[in-house]
Amino acid sequence: MTYQHKGLADSGWDKLSFIEQMANIGSEVQRAVNWKRKNNPEYSLKASERALELADLTLDSVRGFSRLKEVARLRESLVDYFFFSNQFASTNESWEKYFLSYAYAARKHT
């Protein structure tokens, strides 16, 4: 598989805490949302693909069923929102709200 986040895929991602991983996923989702708002589907698509890549890396490294379940559901919701019919009724604001706590917690612990 070809990774866009090659350095993280090779060894760095496992070294991040779960909160840091989720905050990084959130930053890519925020980029995708921002490009979607600016009506730039190409850049939004690229950012959402990067977010999914990070979610996949997290699924590979996560320990514990509850976190695995959360990341798997997150990935499913991202795919639904950015690539399909948005049957879960996600909004730009709901994504921002969801990831804000991870960004805050990651920033507080660095």
PDB file of N, CA and C in Angstrom:
ATOM      1  N   MET A   1       0.835  -1.181   0.000  1.00  0.00           N
ATOM      2  CA  MET A   1       0.000   0.000   0.000  1.00  0.00           C
ATOM      3  C   MET A   1       0.878   1.242   0.000  1.00  0.00           C
ATOM      4  N   THR A   2       0.482   2.233  -0.747  1.00  0.00           N
ATOM      5  CA  THR A   2       1.199   3.494  -0.788  1.00  0.00           C
ATOM      6  C   THR A   2       0.543   4.457   0.189  1.00  0.00           C
ATOM      7  N   TYR A   3       1.341   4.966   1.118  1.00  0.00           N
ATOM      8  CA  TYR A   3       0.833   5.879   2.132  1.00  0.00           C
ATOM      9  C   TYR A   3       1.181   7.315   1.784  1.00  0.00           C
ATOM     10  N   GLN A   4       0.257   8.209   2.057  1.00  0.00           N
ATOM     11  CA  GLN A   4       0.551   9.628   1.939  1.00  0.00           C
ATOM     12  C   GLN A   4       1.316  10.106   3.168  1.00  0.00           C
ATOM     13  N   HIS A   5       1.048   9.470   4.298  1.00  0.00           N
ATOM     14  CA  HIS A   5       1.745   9.781   5.547  1.00  0.00           C
ATOM     15  C   HIS A   5       2.812   8.697   5.770  1.00  0.00           C
ATOM     16  N   LYS A   6       3.789   8.615   4.875  1.00  0.00           N
ATOM     17  CA  LYS A   6       4.749   7.517   4.883  1.00  0.00           C
ATOM     18  C   LYS A   6       5.541   7.430   6.187  1.00  0.00           C
ATOM     19  N   GLY A   7       5.982   8.552   6.704  1.00  0.00           N
ATOM     20  CA  GLY A   7       6.744   8.539   7.949  1.00  0.00           C
ATOM     21  C   GLY A   7       5.946   7.997   9.115  1.00  0.00           C
ATOM     22  N   LEU A   8       4.694   8.354   9.157  1.00  0.00           N
ATOM     23  CA  LEU A   8       3.838   7.842  10.220  1.00  0.00           C
ATOM     24  C   LEU A   8       3.525   6.373  10.025  1.00  0.00           C
ATOM     25  N   ALA A   9       3.333   5.969   8.792  1.00  0.00           N
ATOM     26  CA  ALA A   9       2.994   4.574   8.503  1.00  0.00           C
ATOM     27  C   ALA A   9       4.156   3.644   8.836  1.00  0.00           C
ATOM     28  N   ASP A  10       5.380   4.093   8.597  1.00  0.00           N
ATOM     29  CA  ASP A  10       6.539   3.237   8.816  1.00  0.00           C
ATOM     30  C   ASP A  10       6.770   2.926  10.289  1.00  0.00           C
ATOM     31  N   SER A  11       6.672   3.924  11.144  1.00  0.00           N
ATOM     32  CA  SER A  11       6.943   3.631  12.555  1.00  0.00           C
ATOM     33  C   SER A  11       6.381   4.655  13.529  1.00  0.00           C
ATOM     34  N   GLY A  12       6.113   5.835  13.090  1.00  0.00           N
ATOM     35  CA  GLY A  12       5.762   6.896  14.022  1.00  0.00           C
ATOM     36  C   GLY A  12       4.358   6.836  14.590  1.00  0.00           C
ATOM     37  N   TRP A  13       3.420   6.286  13.846  1.00  0.00           N
ATOM     38  CA  TRP A  13       2.028   6.341  14.278  1.00  0.00           C
ATOM     39  C   TRP A  13       1.794   5.573  15.572  1.00  0.00           C
ATOM     40  N   ASP A  14       2.414   4.403  15.709  1.00  0.00           N
ATOM     41  CA  ASP A  14       2.237   3.587  16.907  1.00  0.00           C
ATOM     42  C   ASP A  14       2.777   4.272  18.163  1.00  0.00           C
ATOM     43  N   LYS A  15       3.680   5.215  17.968  1.00  0.00           N
ATOM     44  CA  LYS A  15       4.275   5.896  19.114  1.00  0.00           C
ATOM     45  C   LYS A  15       3.385   7.009  19.663  1.00  0.00           C
ATOM     46  N   LEU A  16       2.406   7.439  18.873  1.00  0.00           N
ATOM     47  CA  LEU A  16       1.480   8.473  19.340  1.00  0.00           C
ATOM     48  C   LEU A  16       0.420   7.871  20.238  1.00  0.00           C
ATOM     49  N   SER A  17      -0.053   8.658  21.183  1.00  0.00           N
ATOM     50  CA  SER A  17      -1.163   8.200  22.020  1.00  0.00           C
ATOM     51  C   SER A  17      -2.444   8.178  21.193  1.00  0.00           C
ATOM     52  N   PHE A  18      -3.443   7.488  21.702  1.00  0.00           N
ATOM     53  CA  PHE A  18      -4.726   7.423  21.008  1.00  0.00           C
ATOM     54  C   PHE A  18      -5.293   8.831  20.803  1.00  0.00           C
ATOM     55  N   ILE A  19      -5.175   9.677  21.796  1.00  0.00           N
ATOM     56  CA  ILE A  19      -5.682  11.057  21.694  1.00  0.00           C
ATOM     57  C   ILE A  19      -4.943  11.814  20.598  1.00  0.00           C
ATOM     58  N   GLU A  20      -3.630  11.663  20.524  1.00  0.00           N
ATOM     59  CA  GLU A  20      -2.860  12.328  19.466  1.00  0.00           C
ATOM     60  C   GLU A  20      -3.234  11.792  18.085  1.00  0.00           C
ATOM     61  N   GLN A  21      -3.446  10.502  17.989  1.00  0.00           N
ATOM     62  CA  GLN A  21      -3.877   9.928  16.713  1.00  0.00           C
ATOM     63  C   GLN A  21      -5.220  10.512  16.274  1.00  0.00           C
ATOM     64  N   MET A  22      -6.164  10.567  17.198  1.00  0.00           N
ATOM     65  CA  MET A  22      -7.486  11.097  16.866  1.00  0.00           C
ATOM     66  C   MET A  22      -7.414  12.585  16.523  1.00  0.00           C
ATOM     67  N   ALA A  23      -6.558  13.322  17.199  1.00  0.00           N
ATOM     68  CA  ALA A  23      -6.406  14.750  16.886  1.00  0.00           C
ATOM     69  C   ALA A  23      -5.837  14.930  15.481  1.00  0.00           C
ATOM     70  N   ASN A  24      -4.914  14.068  15.088  1.00  0.00           N
ATOM     71  CA  ASN A  24      -4.361  14.140  13.742  1.00  0.00           C
ATOM     72  C   ASN A  24      -5.403  13.781  12.688  1.00  0.00           C
ATOM     73  N   ILE A  25      -6.199  12.782  12.961  1.00  0.00           N
ATOM     74  CA  ILE A  25      -7.308  12.459  12.052  1.00  0.00           C
ATOM     75  C   ILE A  25      -8.226  13.672  11.945  1.00  0.00           C
ATOM     76  N   GLY A  26      -8.512  14.277  13.083  1.00  0.00           N
ATOM     77  CA  GLY A  26      -9.385  15.453  13.112  1.00  0.00           C
ATOM     78  C   GLY A  26      -8.844  16.613  12.304  1.00  0.00           C
ATOM     79  N   SER A  27      -7.528  16.794  12.288  1.00  0.00           N
ATOM     80  CA  SER A  27      -6.977  17.910  11.506  1.00  0.00           C
ATOM     81  C   SER A  27      -7.186  17.674  10.018  1.00  0.00           C
ATOM     82  N   GLU A  28      -7.083  16.422   9.578  1.00  0.00           N
ATOM     83  CA  GLU A  28      -7.349  16.124   8.165  1.00  0.00           C
ATOM     84  C   GLU A  28      -8.835  16.276   7.846  1.00  0.00           C
ATOM     85  N   VAL A  29      -9.680  15.855   8.758  1.00  0.00           N
ATOM     86  CA  VAL A  29     -11.128  16.026   8.556  1.00  0.00           C
ATOM     87  C   VAL A  29     -11.460  17.513   8.488  1.00  0.00           C
ATOM     88  N   GLN A  30     -10.840  18.305   9.337  1.00  0.00           N
ATOM     89  CA  GLN A  30     -11.080  19.751   9.316  1.00  0.00           C
ATOM     90  C   GLN A  30     -10.654  20.342   7.974  1.00  0.00           C
ATOM     91  N   ARG A  31      -9.536  19.892   7.450  1.00  0.00           N
ATOM     92  CA  ARG A  31      -9.109  20.360   6.125  1.00  0.00           C
ATOM     93  C   ARG A  31     -10.139  19.981   5.061  1.00  0.00           C
ATOM     94  N   ALA A  32     -10.621  18.752   5.127  1.00  0.00           N
ATOM     95  CA  ALA A  32     -11.634  18.296   4.157  1.00  0.00           C
ATOM     96  C   ALA A  32     -12.907  19.121   4.265  1.00  0.00           C
ATOM     97  N   VAL A  33     -13.326  19.405   5.477  1.00  0.00           N
ATOM     98  CA  VAL A  33     -14.526  20.222   5.703  1.00  0.00           C
ATOM     99  C   VAL A  33     -14.308  21.631   5.170  1.00  0.00           C
ATOM    100  N   ASN A  34     -13.138  22.206   5.454  1.00  0.00           N
ATOM    101  CA  ASN A  34     -12.858  23.562   4.979  1.00  0.00           C
ATOM    102  C   ASN A  34     -12.875  23.633   3.453  1.00  0.00           C
ATOM    103  N   TRP A  35     -12.272  22.644   2.786  1.00  0.00           N
ATOM    104  CA  TRP A  35     -12.273  22.647   1.324  1.00  0.00           C
ATOM    105  C   TRP A  35     -13.680  22.396   0.781  1.00  0.00           C
ATOM    106  N   LYS A  36     -14.438  21.611   1.488  1.00  0.00           N
ATOM    107  CA  LYS A  36     -15.836  21.384   1.070  1.00  0.00           C
ATOM    108  C   LYS A  36     -16.622  22.694   1.144  1.00  0.00           C
ATOM    109  N   ARG A  37     -16.412  23.446   2.222  1.00  0.00           N
ATOM    110  CA  ARG A  37     -17.077  24.748   2.374  1.00  0.00           C
ATOM    111  C   ARG A  37     -16.669  25.723   1.271  1.00  0.00           C
ATOM    112  N   LYS A  38     -15.410  25.631   0.839  1.00  0.00           N
ATOM    113  CA  LYS A  38     -14.901  26.521  -0.210  1.00  0.00           C
ATOM    114  C   LYS A  38     -15.238  26.001  -1.609  1.00  0.00           C
ATOM    115  N   ASN A  39     -16.047  24.954  -1.650  1.00  0.00           N
ATOM    116  CA  ASN A  39     -16.498  24.363  -2.911  1.00  0.00           C
ATOM    117  C   ASN A  39     -15.320  23.899  -3.779  1.00  0.00           C
ATOM    118  N   ASN A  40     -14.352  23.240  -3.123  1.00  0.00           N
ATOM    119  CA  ASN A  40     -13.209  22.674  -3.824  1.00  0.00           C
ATOM    120  C   ASN A  40     -13.208  21.164  -3.591  1.00  0.00           C
ATOM    121  N   PRO A  41     -13.993  20.418  -4.380  1.00  0.00           N
ATOM    122  CA  PRO A  41     -14.133  18.981  -4.140  1.00  0.00           C
ATOM    123  C   PRO A  41     -12.836  18.186  -4.298  1.00  0.00           C
ATOM    124  N   GLU A  42     -11.946  18.644  -5.160  1.00  0.00           N
ATOM    125  CA  GLU A  42     -10.683  17.917  -5.359  1.00  0.00           C
ATOM    126  C   GLU A  42      -9.848  17.923  -4.084  1.00  0.00           C
ATOM    127  N   TYR A  43      -9.649  19.078  -3.483  1.00  0.00           N
ATOM    128  CA  TYR A  43      -8.857  19.168  -2.255  1.00  0.00           C
ATOM    129  C   TYR A  43      -9.576  18.517  -1.083  1.00  0.00           C
ATOM    130  N   SER A  44     -10.892  18.642  -1.045  1.00  0.00           N
ATOM    131  CA  SER A  44     -11.671  18.000   0.008  1.00  0.00           C
ATOM    132  C   SER A  44     -11.513  16.484  -0.068  1.00  0.00           C
ATOM    133  N   LEU A  45     -11.546  15.956  -1.269  1.00  0.00           N
ATOM    134  CA  LEU A  45     -11.370  14.519  -1.472  1.00  0.00           C
ATOM    135  C   LEU A  45      -9.994  14.066  -0.992  1.00  0.00           C
ATOM    136  N   LYS A  46      -8.963  14.808  -1.350  1.00  0.00           N
ATOM    137  CA  LYS A  46      -7.607  14.444  -0.934  1.00  0.00           C
ATOM    138  C   LYS A  46      -7.462  14.454   0.582  1.00  0.00           C
ATOM    139  N   ALA A  47      -8.005  15.472   1.228  1.00  0.00           N
ATOM    140  CA  ALA A  47      -7.919  15.550   2.688  1.00  0.00           C
ATOM    141  C   ALA A  47      -8.727  14.433   3.353  1.00  0.00           C
ATOM    142  N   SER A  48      -9.892  14.131   2.801  1.00  0.00           N
ATOM    143  CA  SER A  48     -10.695  13.055   3.383  1.00  0.00           C
ATOM    144  C   SER A  48     -10.016  11.706   3.190  1.00  0.00           C
ATOM    145  N   GLU A  49      -9.329  11.499   2.076  1.00  0.00           N
ATOM    146  CA  GLU A  49      -8.564  10.269   1.872  1.00  0.00           C
ATOM    147  C   GLU A  49      -7.424  10.157   2.880  1.00  0.00           C
ATOM    148  N   ARG A  50      -6.776  11.281   3.167  1.00  0.00           N
ATOM    149  CA  ARG A  50      -5.707  11.266   4.177  1.00  0.00           C
ATOM    150  C   ARG A  50      -6.282  10.944   5.555  1.00  0.00           C
ATOM    151  N   ALA A  51      -7.454  11.481   5.862  1.00  0.00           N
ATOM    152  CA  ALA A  51      -8.102  11.182   7.143  1.00  0.00           C
ATOM    153  C   ALA A  51      -8.412   9.691   7.251  1.00  0.00           C
ATOM    154  N   LEU A  52      -8.890   9.103   6.167  1.00  0.00           N
ATOM    155  CA  LEU A  52      -9.183   7.670   6.171  1.00  0.00           C
ATOM    156  C   LEU A  52      -7.907   6.846   6.318  1.00  0.00           C
ATOM    157  N   GLU A  53      -6.831   7.294   5.701  1.00  0.00           N
ATOM    158  CA  GLU A  53      -5.556   6.610   5.852  1.00  0.00           C
ATOM    159  C   GLU A  53      -5.120   6.608   7.321  1.00  0.00           C
ATOM    160  N   LEU A  54      -5.252   7.745   7.980  1.00  0.00           N
ATOM    161  CA  LEU A  54      -4.887   7.821   9.395  1.00  0.00           C
ATOM    162  C   LEU A  54      -5.816   6.966  10.250  1.00  0.00           C
ATOM    163  N   ALA A  55      -7.087   6.932   9.903  1.00  0.00           N
ATOM    164  CA  ALA A  55      -8.031   6.072  10.624  1.00  0.00           C
ATOM    165  C   ALA A  55      -7.627   4.607  10.471  1.00  0.00           C
ATOM    166  N   ASP A  56      -7.204   4.222   9.271  1.00  0.00           N
ATOM    167  CA  ASP A  56      -6.748   2.848   9.049  1.00  0.00           C
ATOM    168  C   ASP A  56      -5.499   2.531   9.864  1.00  0.00           C
ATOM    169  N   LEU A  57      -4.560   3.471   9.917  1.00  0.00           N
ATOM    170  CA  LEU A  57      -3.370   3.275  10.744  1.00  0.00           C
ATOM    171  C   LEU A  57      -3.756   3.126  12.216  1.00  0.00           C
ATOM    172  N   THR A  58      -4.735   3.889  12.643  1.00  0.00           N
ATOM    173  CA  THR A  58      -5.205   3.800  14.026  1.00  0.00           C
ATOM    174  C   THR A  58      -5.871   2.452  14.277  1.00  0.00           C
ATOM    175  N   LEU A  59      -6.674   1.996  13.335  1.00  0.00           N
ATOM    176  CA  LEU A  59      -7.300   0.674  13.483  1.00  0.00           C
ATOM    177  C   LEU A  59      -6.251  -0.422  13.627  1.00  0.00           C
ATOM    178  N   ASP A  60      -5.140  -0.274  12.925  1.00  0.00           N
ATOM    179  CA  ASP A  60      -4.063  -1.265  13.009  1.00  0.00           C
ATOM    180  C   ASP A  60      -3.316  -1.214  14.334  1.00  0.00           C
ATOM    181  N   SER A  61      -3.337  -0.076  14.997  1.00  0.00           N
ATOM    182  CA  SER A  61      -2.513   0.076  16.201  1.00  0.00           C
ATOM    183  C   SER A  61      -3.316   0.140  17.498  1.00  0.00           C
ATOM    184  N   VAL A  62      -4.623   0.272  17.409  1.00  0.00           N
ATOM    185  CA  VAL A  62      -5.426   0.497  18.603  1.00  0.00           C
ATOM    186  C   VAL A  62      -5.527  -0.779  19.445  1.00  0.00           C
ATOM    187  N   ARG A  63      -5.572  -0.587  20.738  1.00  0.00           N
ATOM    188  CA  ARG A  63      -5.727  -1.689  21.691  1.00  0.00           C
ATOM    189  C   ARG A  63      -7.027  -1.455  22.456  1.00  0.00           C
ATOM    190  N   GLY A  64      -7.786  -2.499  22.625  1.00  0.00           N
ATOM    191  CA  GLY A  64      -9.027  -2.396  23.378  1.00  0.00           C
ATOM    192  C   GLY A  64     -10.233  -2.313  22.463  1.00  0.00           C
ATOM    193  N   PHE A  65     -11.234  -3.097  22.796  1.00  0.00           N
ATOM    194  CA  PHE A  65     -12.407  -3.197  21.950  1.00  0.00           C
ATOM    195  C   PHE A  65     -13.162  -1.876  21.812  1.00  0.00           C
ATOM    196  N   SER A  66     -13.295  -1.124  22.893  1.00  0.00           N
ATOM    197  CA  SER A  66     -14.081   0.120  22.816  1.00  0.00           C
ATOM    198  C   SER A  66     -13.435   1.136  21.867  1.00  0.00           C
ATOM    199  N   ARG A  67     -12.125   1.240  21.890  1.00  0.00           N
ATOM    200  CA  ARG A  67     -11.443   2.160  20.964  1.00  0.00           C
ATOM    201  C   ARG A  67     -11.514   1.645  19.533  1.00  0.00           C
ATOM    202  N   LEU A  68     -11.355   0.348  19.377  1.00  0.00           N
ATOM    203  CA  LEU A  68     -11.470  -0.251  18.046  1.00  0.00           C
ATOM    204  C   LEU A  68     -12.850   0.029  17.467  1.00  0.00           C
ATOM    205  N   LYS A  69     -13.862  -0.144  18.274  1.00  0.00           N
ATOM    206  CA  LYS A  69     -15.238   0.099  17.841  1.00  0.00           C
ATOM    207  C   LYS A  69     -15.442   1.562  17.468  1.00  0.00           C
ATOM    208  N   GLU A  70     -14.898   2.468  18.283  1.00  0.00           N
ATOM    209  CA  GLU A  70     -15.053   3.895  18.012  1.00  0.00           C
ATOM    210  C   GLU A  70     -14.387   4.296  16.691  1.00  0.00           C
ATOM    211  N   VAL A  71     -13.176   3.823  16.467  1.00  0.00           N
ATOM    212  CA  VAL A  71     -12.462   4.198  15.248  1.00  0.00           C
ATOM    213  C   VAL A  71     -13.114   3.564  14.024  1.00  0.00           C
ATOM    214  N   ALA A  72     -13.586   2.341  14.155  1.00  0.00           N
ATOM    215  CA  ALA A  72     -14.271   1.688  13.037  1.00  0.00           C
ATOM    216  C   ALA A  72     -15.557   2.442  12.687  1.00  0.00           C
ATOM    217  N   ARG A  73     -16.298   2.857  13.697  1.00  0.00           N
ATOM    218  CA  ARG A  73     -17.527   3.629  13.448  1.00  0.00           C
ATOM    219  C   ARG A  73     -17.196   5.006  12.873  1.00  0.00           C
ATOM    220  N   LEU A  74     -16.128   5.612  13.369  1.00  0.00           N
ATOM    221  CA  LEU A  74     -15.675   6.895  12.834  1.00  0.00           C
ATOM    222  C   LEU A  74     -15.363   6.764  11.350  1.00  0.00           C
ATOM    223  N   ARG A  75     -14.618   5.731  10.993  1.00  0.00           N
ATOM    224  CA  ARG A  75     -14.254   5.522   9.588  1.00  0.00           C
ATOM    225  C   ARG A  75     -15.503   5.328   8.731  1.00  0.00           C
ATOM    226  N   GLU A  76     -16.414   4.532   9.220  1.00  0.00           N
ATOM    227  CA  GLU A  76     -17.667   4.297   8.500  1.00  0.00           C
ATOM    228  C   GLU A  76     -18.424   5.604   8.277  1.00  0.00           C
ATOM    229  N   SER A  77     -18.477   6.444   9.293  1.00  0.00           N
ATOM    230  CA  SER A  77     -19.182   7.723   9.193  1.00  0.00           C
ATOM    231  C   SER A  77     -18.489   8.688   8.244  1.00  0.00           C
ATOM    232  N   LEU A  78     -17.154   8.697   8.261  1.00  0.00           N
ATOM    233  CA  LEU A  78     -16.411   9.557   7.333  1.00  0.00           C
ATOM    234  C   LEU A  78     -16.662   9.151   5.886  1.00  0.00           C
ATOM    235  N   VAL A  79     -16.634   7.865   5.623  1.00  0.00           N
ATOM    236  CA  VAL A  79     -16.902   7.380   4.265  1.00  0.00           C
ATOM    237  C   VAL A  79     -18.311   7.759   3.843  1.00  0.00           C
ATOM    238  N   ASP A  80     -19.256   7.587   4.739  1.00  0.00           N
ATOM    239  CA  ASP A  80     -20.643   7.952   4.427  1.00  0.00           C
ATOM    240  C   ASP A  80     -20.757   9.440   4.128  1.00  0.00           C
ATOM    241  N   TYR A  81     -20.101  10.269   4.913  1.00  0.00           N
ATOM    242  CA  TYR A  81     -20.224  11.721   4.757  1.00  0.00           C
ATOM    243  C   TYR A  81     -19.537  12.244   3.498  1.00  0.00           C
ATOM    244  N   PHE A  82     -18.307  11.807   3.272  1.00  0.00           N
ATOM    245  CA  PHE A  82     -17.530  12.371   2.170  1.00  0.00           C
ATOM    246  C   PHE A  82     -17.713  11.648   0.835  1.00  0.00           C
ATOM    247  N   PHE A  83     -18.155  10.392   0.857  1.00  0.00           N
ATOM    248  CA  PHE A  83     -18.198   9.624  -0.388  1.00  0.00           C
ATOM    249  C   PHE A  83     -19.574   9.083  -0.772  1.00  0.00           C
ATOM    250  N   PHE A  84     -20.499   9.050   0.174  1.00  0.00           N
ATOM    251  CA  PHE A  84     -21.796   8.472  -0.128  1.00  0.00           C
ATOM    252  C   PHE A  84     -22.922   9.442   0.201  1.00  0.00           C
ATOM    253  N   SER A  85     -24.055   8.940   0.618  1.00  0.00           N
ATOM    254  CA  SER A  85     -25.275   9.757   0.714  1.00  0.00           C
ATOM    255  C   SER A  85     -25.475  10.443   2.062  1.00  0.00           C
ATOM    256  N   ASN A  86     -24.548  10.295   2.990  1.00  0.00           N
ATOM    257  CA  ASN A  86     -24.650  10.905   4.321  1.00  0.00           C
ATOM    258  C   ASN A  86     -25.913  10.442   5.044  1.00  0.00           C
ATOM    259  N   GLN A  87     -26.121   9.147   5.065  1.00  0.00           N
ATOM    260  CA  GLN A  87     -27.294   8.603   5.733  1.00  0.00           C
ATOM    261  C   GLN A  87     -27.242   8.780   7.252  1.00  0.00           C
ATOM    262  N   PHE A  88     -26.056   9.037   7.801  1.00  0.00           N
ATOM    263  CA  PHE A  88     -25.937   9.289   9.236  1.00  0.00           C
ATOM    264  C   PHE A  88     -26.211  10.749   9.584  1.00  0.00           C
ATOM    265  N   ALA A  89     -26.460  11.560   8.584  1.00  0.00           N
ATOM    266  CA  ALA A  89     -26.805  12.980   8.749  1.00  0.00           C
ATOM    267  C   ALA A  89     -25.717  13.775   9.475  1.00  0.00           C
ATOM    268  N   SER A  90     -24.466  13.491   9.149  1.00  0.00           N
ATOM    269  CA  SER A  90     -23.358  14.266   9.711  1.00  0.00           C
ATOM    270  C   SER A  90     -23.359  15.659   9.101  1.00  0.00           C
ATOM    271  N   THR A  91     -22.779  16.595   9.829  1.00  0.00           N
ATOM    272  CA  THR A  91     -22.645  17.962   9.334  1.00  0.00           C
ATOM    273  C   THR A  91     -21.204  18.415   9.543  1.00  0.00           C
ATOM    274  N   ASN A  92     -20.840  19.471   8.858  1.00  0.00           N
ATOM    275  CA  ASN A  92     -19.512  20.053   9.085  1.00  0.00           C
ATOM    276  C   ASN A  92     -19.327  20.374  10.560  1.00  0.00           C
ATOM    277  N   GLU A  93     -20.350  20.941  11.154  1.00  0.00           N
ATOM    278  CA  GLU A  93     -20.285  21.341  12.560  1.00  0.00           C
ATOM    279  C   GLU A  93     -20.167  20.138  13.493  1.00  0.00           C
ATOM    280  N   SER A  94     -20.850  19.048  13.167  1.00  0.00           N
ATOM    281  CA  SER A  94     -20.756  17.862  14.030  1.00  0.00           C
ATOM    282  C   SER A  94     -19.348  17.272  13.996  1.00  0.00           C
ATOM    283  N   TRP A  95     -18.702  17.305  12.829  1.00  0.00           N
ATOM    284  CA  TRP A  95     -17.324  16.827  12.751  1.00  0.00           C
ATOM    285  C   TRP A  95     -16.400  17.734  13.540  1.00  0.00           C
ATOM    286  N   GLU A  96     -16.564  19.029  13.425  1.00  0.00           N
ATOM    287  CA  GLU A  96     -15.725  19.962  14.176  1.00  0.00           C
ATOM    288  C   GLU A  96     -15.897  19.757  15.670  1.00  0.00           C
ATOM    289  N   LYS A  97     -17.124  19.596  16.110  1.00  0.00           N
ATOM    290  CA  LYS A  97     -17.405  19.404  17.527  1.00  0.00           C
ATOM    291  C   LYS A  97     -16.807  18.092  18.041  1.00  0.00           C
ATOM    292  N   TYR A  98     -16.932  17.031  17.251  1.00  0.00           N
ATOM    293  CA  TYR A  98     -16.415  15.724  17.655  1.00  0.00           C
ATOM    294  C   TYR A  98     -14.900  15.767  17.878  1.00  0.00           C
ATOM    295  N   PHE A  99     -14.178  16.390  16.964  1.00  0.00           N
ATOM    296  CA  PHE A  99     -12.722  16.362  17.043  1.00  0.00           C
ATOM    297  C   PHE A  99     -12.130  17.466  17.920  1.00  0.00           C
ATOM    298  N   LEU A 100     -12.908  18.449  18.277  1.00  0.00           N
ATOM    299  CA  LEU A 100     -12.390  19.552  19.091  1.00  0.00           C
ATOM    300  C   LEU A 100     -11.831  19.067  20.427  1.00  0.00           C
ATOM    301  N   SER A 101     -12.515  18.144  21.072  1.00  0.00           N
ATOM    302  CA  SER A 101     -12.034  17.669  22.374  1.00  0.00           C
ATOM    303  C   SER A 101     -10.715  16.912  22.240  1.00  0.00           C
ATOM    304  N   TYR A 102     -10.544  16.171  21.155  1.00  0.00           N
ATOM    305  CA  TYR A 102      -9.269  15.469  20.943  1.00  0.00           C
ATOM    306  C   TYR A 102      -8.150  16.480  20.688  1.00  0.00           C
ATOM    307  N   ALA A 103      -8.424  17.496  19.898  1.00  0.00           N
ATOM    308  CA  ALA A 103      -7.402  18.518  19.635  1.00  0.00           C
ATOM    309  C   ALA A 103      -6.998  19.222  20.925  1.00  0.00           C
ATOM    310  N   TYR A 104      -7.987  19.550  21.730  1.00  0.00           N
ATOM    311  CA  TYR A 104      -7.716  20.233  22.994  1.00  0.00           C
ATOM    312  C   TYR A 104      -6.893  19.329  23.926  1.00  0.00           C
ATOM    313  N   ALA A 105      -7.300  18.073  24.055  1.00  0.00           N
ATOM    314  CA  ALA A 105      -6.594  17.153  24.940  1.00  0.00           C
ATOM    315  C   ALA A 105      -5.173  16.893  24.459  1.00  0.00           C
ATOM    316  N   ALA A 106      -4.990  16.730  23.159  1.00  0.00           N
ATOM    317  CA  ALA A 106      -3.643  16.495  22.621  1.00  0.00           C
ATOM    318  C   ALA A 106      -2.751  17.700  22.848  1.00  0.00           C
ATOM    319  N   ARG A 107      -3.304  18.859  22.662  1.00  0.00           N
ATOM    320  CA  ARG A 107      -2.520  20.088  22.840  1.00  0.00           C
ATOM    321  C   ARG A 107      -2.141  20.281  24.316  1.00  0.00           C
ATOM    322  N   LYS A 108      -3.054  19.934  25.194  1.00  0.00           N
ATOM    323  CA  LYS A 108      -2.814  20.087  26.630  1.00  0.00           C
ATOM    324  C   LYS A 108      -1.711  19.155  27.149  1.00  0.00           C
ATOM    325  N   HIS A 109      -1.563  18.006  26.504  1.00  0.00           N
ATOM    326  CA  HIS A 109      -0.586  17.028  26.946  1.00  0.00           C
ATOM    327  C   HIS A 109       0.760  17.127  26.247  1.00  0.00           C
ATOM    328  N   THR A 110       0.948  18.122  25.392  1.00  0.00           N
ATOM    329  CA  THR A 110       2.247  18.249  24.726  1.00  0.00           C
ATOM    330  C   THR A 110       3.077  19.347  25.334  1.00  0.00           C
TER     331      THR A 110
END
